[in-house]
C-alpha atoms as a PDB file:
ATOM      1  CA  MET A   1     108.266 110.497  65.781  1.00  0.00           C
ATOM      2  CA  PRO A   2     109.389 110.493  69.423  1.00  0.00           C
ATOM      3  CA  LYS A   3     112.886 109.055  69.701  1.00  0.00           C
ATOM      4  CA  CYS A   4     113.930 107.140  72.822  1.00  0.00           C
ATOM      5  CA  TYR A   5     117.553 107.996  73.598  1.00  0.00           C
ATOM      6  CA  LEU A   6     117.861 106.294  77.013  1.00  0.00           C
ATOM      7  CA  LEU A   7     116.308 103.086  78.297  1.00  0.00           C
ATOM      8  CA  THR A   8     117.412 101.487  81.561  1.00  0.00           C
ATOM      9  CA  LEU A   9     116.332  99.395  84.552  1.00  0.00           C
ATOM     10  CA  CYS A  10     117.144 100.273  88.122  1.00  0.00           C
ATOM     11  CA  GLY A  11     116.131  99.579  91.693  1.00  0.00           C
ATOM     12  CA  GLY A  12     115.234 103.192  92.452  1.00  0.00           C
ATOM     13  CA  SER A  13     115.817 106.809  91.568  1.00  0.00           C
ATOM     14  CA  SER A  14     115.788 110.305  92.977  1.00  0.00           C
ATOM     15  CA  LEU A  15     114.893 113.617  91.349  1.00  0.00           C
ATOM     16  CA  ASP A  16     116.762 116.704  92.583  1.00  0.00           C
ATOM     17  CA  GLN A  17     114.117 119.451  92.810  1.00  0.00           C
ATOM     18  CA  GLN A  18     116.732 122.228  92.490  1.00  0.00           C
ATOM     19  CA  SER A  19     118.645 121.020  89.426  1.00  0.00           C
ATOM     20  CA  ASN A  20     115.988 118.712  87.901  1.00  0.00           C
ATOM     21  CA  ASN A  21     118.701 116.021  87.604  1.00  0.00           C
ATOM     22  CA  VAL A  22     117.868 112.354  88.158  1.00  0.00           C
ATOM     23  CA  THR A  23     120.050 109.890  90.053  1.00  0.00           C
ATOM     24  CA  LEU A  24     119.574 106.176  89.328  1.00  0.00           C
ATOM     25  CA  PHE A  25     120.284 103.663  92.089  1.00  0.00           C
ATOM     26  CA  ASN A  26     121.255 100.012  91.572  1.00  0.00           C
ATOM     27  CA  VAL A  27     121.235  99.781  87.784  1.00  0.00           C
ATOM     28  CA  VAL A  28     120.038  96.250  86.975  1.00  0.00           C
ATOM     29  CA  GLU A  29     121.398  93.886  84.314  1.00  0.00           C
ATOM     30  CA  GLN A  30     120.574  90.593  86.053  1.00  0.00           C
ATOM     31  CA  VAL A  31     117.609  89.384  88.088  1.00  0.00           C
ATOM     32  CA  ASN A  32     117.905  86.234  90.180  1.00  0.00           C
ATOM     33  CA  VAL A  33     114.778  84.167  90.808  1.00  0.00           C
ATOM     34  CA  PRO A  34     114.391  81.127  93.081  1.00  0.00           C
ATOM     35  CA  GLU A  35     114.717  77.792  91.327  1.00  0.00           C
ATOM     36  CA  ASN A  36     111.418  76.087  90.333  1.00  0.00           C
ATOM     37  CA  GLN A  37     109.298  79.117  91.263  1.00  0.00           C
ATOM     38  CA  GLU A  38     107.722  80.558  88.136  1.00  0.00           C
ATOM     39  CA  PRO A  39     106.063  83.938  88.677  1.00  0.00           C
ATOM     40  CA  PRO A  40     102.283  84.037  88.360  1.00  0.00           C
ATOM     41  CA  PRO A  41     100.912  85.448  85.085  1.00  0.00           C
ATOM     42  CA  GLY A  42     100.869  89.248  85.144  1.00  0.00           C
ATOM     43  CA  ALA A  43     103.422  89.498  87.970  1.00  0.00           C
ATOM     44  CA  LEU A  44     105.648  92.572  88.063  1.00  0.00           C
ATOM     45  CA  LEU A  45     109.253  92.699  89.243  1.00  0.00           C
ATOM     46  CA  PRO A  46     109.862  95.641  91.641  1.00  0.00           C
ATOM     47  CA  LEU A  47     112.101  97.617  89.290  1.00  0.00           C
ATOM     48  CA  GLU A  48     111.907 101.042  87.695  1.00  0.00           C
ATOM     49  CA  ILE A  49     112.034 101.431  83.916  1.00  0.00           C
ATOM     50  CA  HIS A  50     113.422 104.776  82.797  1.00  0.00           C
ATOM     51  CA  ALA A  51     112.808 105.919  79.229  1.00  0.00           C
ATOM     52  CA  TYR A  52     113.934 109.331  77.959  1.00  0.00           C
ATOM     53  CA  PHE A  53     112.567 110.789  74.729  1.00  0.00           C
ATOM     54  CA  GLN A  54     113.439 113.545  72.305  1.00  0.00           C
ATOM     55  CA  LEU A  55     110.532 115.074  70.363  1.00  0.00           C
ATOM     56  CA  GLY A  56     110.359 117.302  67.307  1.00  0.00           C
ATOM     57  CA  PRO A  57     108.408 120.583  67.294  1.00  0.00           C
ATOM     58  CA  THR A  58     105.323 119.002  65.675  1.00  0.00           C
ATOM     59  CA  GLU A  59     105.320 116.123  68.195  1.00  0.00           C
ATOM     60  CA  MET A  60     105.014 118.257  71.304  1.00  0.00           C
ATOM     61  CA  ASN A  61     101.606 118.278  73.012  1.00  0.00           C
ATOM     62  CA  GLN A  62     100.635 115.179  70.998  1.00  0.00           C
ATOM     63  CA  ARG A  63      99.495 112.109  72.899  1.00  0.00           C
ATOM     64  CA  PHE A  64     101.431 108.895  72.401  1.00  0.00           C
ATOM     65  CA  GLU A  65     101.463 105.488  74.080  1.00  0.00           C
ATOM     66  CA  VAL A  66     104.454 103.490  75.255  1.00  0.00           C
ATOM     67  CA  ARG A  67     104.763  99.832  76.187  1.00  0.00           C
ATOM     68  CA  PHE A  68     107.798  97.870  77.266  1.00  0.00           C
ATOM     69  CA  VAL A  69     108.719  94.463  75.874  1.00  0.00           C
ATOM     70  CA  LEU A  70     111.074  91.823  77.238  1.00  0.00           C
ATOM     71  CA  VAL A  71     112.373  89.961  74.185  1.00  0.00           C
ATOM     72  CA  ALA A  72     113.998  86.579  74.876  1.00  0.00           C
ATOM     73  CA  SER A  73     116.839  85.265  72.720  1.00  0.00           C
ATOM     74  CA  SER A  74     114.298  82.617  71.572  1.00  0.00           C
ATOM     75  CA  GLY A  75     111.997  85.383  70.273  1.00  0.00           C
ATOM     76  CA  LEU A  76     109.434  85.054  73.084  1.00  0.00           C
ATOM     77  CA  GLU A  77     108.003  88.486  73.979  1.00  0.00           C
ATOM     78  CA  THR A  78     106.505  89.637  77.306  1.00  0.00           C
ATOM     79  CA  PHE A  79     104.619  92.958  77.130  1.00  0.00           C
ATOM     80  CA  SER A  80     103.767  95.569  79.734  1.00  0.00           C
ATOM     81  CA  ASP A  81     100.535  97.503  79.740  1.00  0.00           C
ATOM     82  CA  ALA A  82     100.472 100.586  77.512  1.00  0.00           C
ATOM     83  CA  PHE A  83     101.011 103.960  79.179  1.00  0.00           C
ATOM     84  CA  GLN A  84      99.808 107.255  77.696  1.00  0.00           C
ATOM     85  CA  HIS A  85     102.101 110.298  77.604  1.00  0.00           C
ATOM     86  CA  ARG A  86     102.210 113.861  76.284  1.00  0.00           C
ATOM     87  CA  SER A  87     105.080 116.325  76.458  1.00  0.00           C
ATOM     88  CA  ALA A  88     105.106 120.108  76.217  1.00  0.00           C
ATOM     89  CA  SER A  89     108.899 120.172  75.878  1.00  0.00           C
ATOM     90  CA  PRO A  90     111.343 118.697  73.334  1.00  0.00           C
ATOM     91  CA  ARG A  91     112.815 116.296  75.914  1.00  0.00           C
ATOM     92  CA  TYR A  92     110.636 114.060  78.032  1.00  0.00           C
ATOM     93  CA  ARG A  93     111.508 111.430  80.617  1.00  0.00           C
ATOM     94  CA  THR A  94     109.359 108.684  82.083  1.00  0.00           C
ATOM     95  CA  ARG A  95     109.675 106.426  85.095  1.00  0.00           C
ATOM     96  CA  THR A  96     107.515 103.315  85.110  1.00  0.00           C
ATOM     97  CA  LEU A  97     107.275 101.163  88.228  1.00  0.00           C
ATOM     98  CA  GLY A  98     107.192  97.395  87.690  1.00  0.00           C
ATOM     99  CA  LEU A  99     108.797  95.235  85.005  1.00  0.00           C
ATOM    100  CA  PRO A 100     106.653  92.388  83.640  1.00  0.00           C
ATOM    101  CA  ALA A 101     108.101  89.132  84.961  1.00  0.00           C
ATOM    102  CA  PRO A 102     109.297  86.899  82.124  1.00  0.00           C
ATOM    103  CA  PRO A 103     107.876  83.358  82.062  1.00  0.00           C
ATOM    104  CA  VAL A 104     111.249  81.586  81.782  1.00  0.00           C
ATOM    105  CA  VAL A 105     114.876  82.218  82.732  1.00  0.00           C
ATOM    106  CA  GLY A 106     117.305  83.297  80.054  1.00  0.00           C
ATOM    107  CA  ASN A 107     118.790  86.247  78.206  1.00  0.00           C
ATOM    108  CA  TYR A 108     116.474  89.126  77.364  1.00  0.00           C
ATOM    109  CA  GLU A 109     116.504  92.575  75.871  1.00  0.00           C
ATOM    110  CA  LEU A 110     114.206  95.229  77.274  1.00  0.00           C
ATOM    111  CA  ARG A 111     112.723  97.039  74.272  1.00  0.00           C
ATOM    112  CA  LEU A 112     110.271  99.887  73.853  1.00  0.00           C
ATOM    113  CA  ASP A 113     107.297 100.216  71.494  1.00  0.00           C
ATOM    114  CA  TRP A 114     105.348 103.431  70.937  1.00  0.00           C
ATOM    115  CA  ARG A 115     102.400 104.596  68.872  1.00  0.00           C
ATOM    116  CA  GLN A 116     100.300 107.690  68.394  1.00  0.00           C
ATOM    117  CA  THR A 117      97.177 107.526  70.561  1.00  0.00           C
ATOM    118  CA  GLY A 118      94.366 106.138  68.447  1.00  0.00           C
ATOM    119  CA  SER A 119      96.695 104.263  66.083  1.00  0.00           C
ATOM    120  CA  ASP A 120      96.929 100.475  65.875  1.00  0.00           C
ATOM    121  CA  ASP A 121     100.525 100.466  64.626  1.00  0.00           C
ATOM    122  CA  TRP A 122     103.238  99.978  67.264  1.00  0.00           C
ATOM    123  CA  ARG A 123     106.770 101.091  66.339  1.00  0.00           C
ATOM    124  CA  ARG A 124     109.725  99.435  68.020  1.00  0.00           C
ATOM    125  CA  GLU A 125     112.639 101.684  68.926  1.00  0.00           C
ATOM    126  CA  PRO A 126     116.141 100.384  68.080  1.00  0.00           C
ATOM    127  CA  ILE A 127     117.360 101.023  71.645  1.00  0.00           C
ATOM    128  CA  SER A 128     117.541  98.092  74.090  1.00  0.00           C
ATOM    129  CA  TRP A 129     118.738  97.185  77.593  1.00  0.00           C
ATOM    130  CA  PRO A 130     120.230  93.715  78.277  1.00  0.00           C
ATOM    131  CA  LEU A 131     118.765  91.636  81.102  1.00  0.00           C
ATOM    132  CA  ILE A 132     119.700  88.172  82.330  1.00  0.00           C
ATOM    133  CA  VAL A 133     117.070  86.284  84.317  1.00  0.00           C
ATOM    134  CA  ALA A 134     118.840  83.497  86.236  1.00  0.00           C
ATOM    135  CA  THR A 135     117.881  80.959  88.880  1.00  0.00           C
ATOM    136  CA  THR A 136     119.494  80.813  92.288  1.00  0.00           C
ATOM    137  CA  GLN A 137     120.059  77.801  94.459  1.00  0.00           C
ATOM    138  CA  PRO A 138     118.521  77.937  97.931  1.00  0.00           C
ATOM    139  CA  ARG A 139     121.079  78.693 100.635  1.00  0.00           C
ATOM    140  CA  PRO A 140     121.859  75.810 102.943  1.00  0.00           C
ATOM    141  CA  GLU A 141     120.582  76.192 106.480  1.00  0.00           C
ATOM    142  CA  THR A 142     123.140  77.482 108.947  1.00  0.00           C
ATOM    143  CA  VAL A 143     123.766  75.044 111.768  1.00  0.00           C
ATOM    144  CA  HIS A 144     125.678  76.167 114.843  1.00  0.00           C
END
């Protein structure tokens, strides 16, 4: 089974072509949304989701699907689309653009589900990333 050993949200990233190292910019643990402005259904927040996997020898070159889930403290779950992957090496990293916007403010955990392509059974990884979705008050107009 692929094992996710890193899961994080950030505003952007950069891959160094020489060293193959990744730099994450603006790691995100809180998103502020305007008060009384619920996102439309299916909206995506402009964030990157990074998930890094470790695979066993028999798992390499096997197709698997990944989806991301925002789990609210109330139990409400918001799912991303499923993305198909395959790795020829024992370590594999993904960068997914766009986090599904949660329907309400509150405390969430970003979680990851995966399954073998063709299977109906999703498996939830134990790893999680905390996220607070909070409202902001509009700024008062500046009068000179």
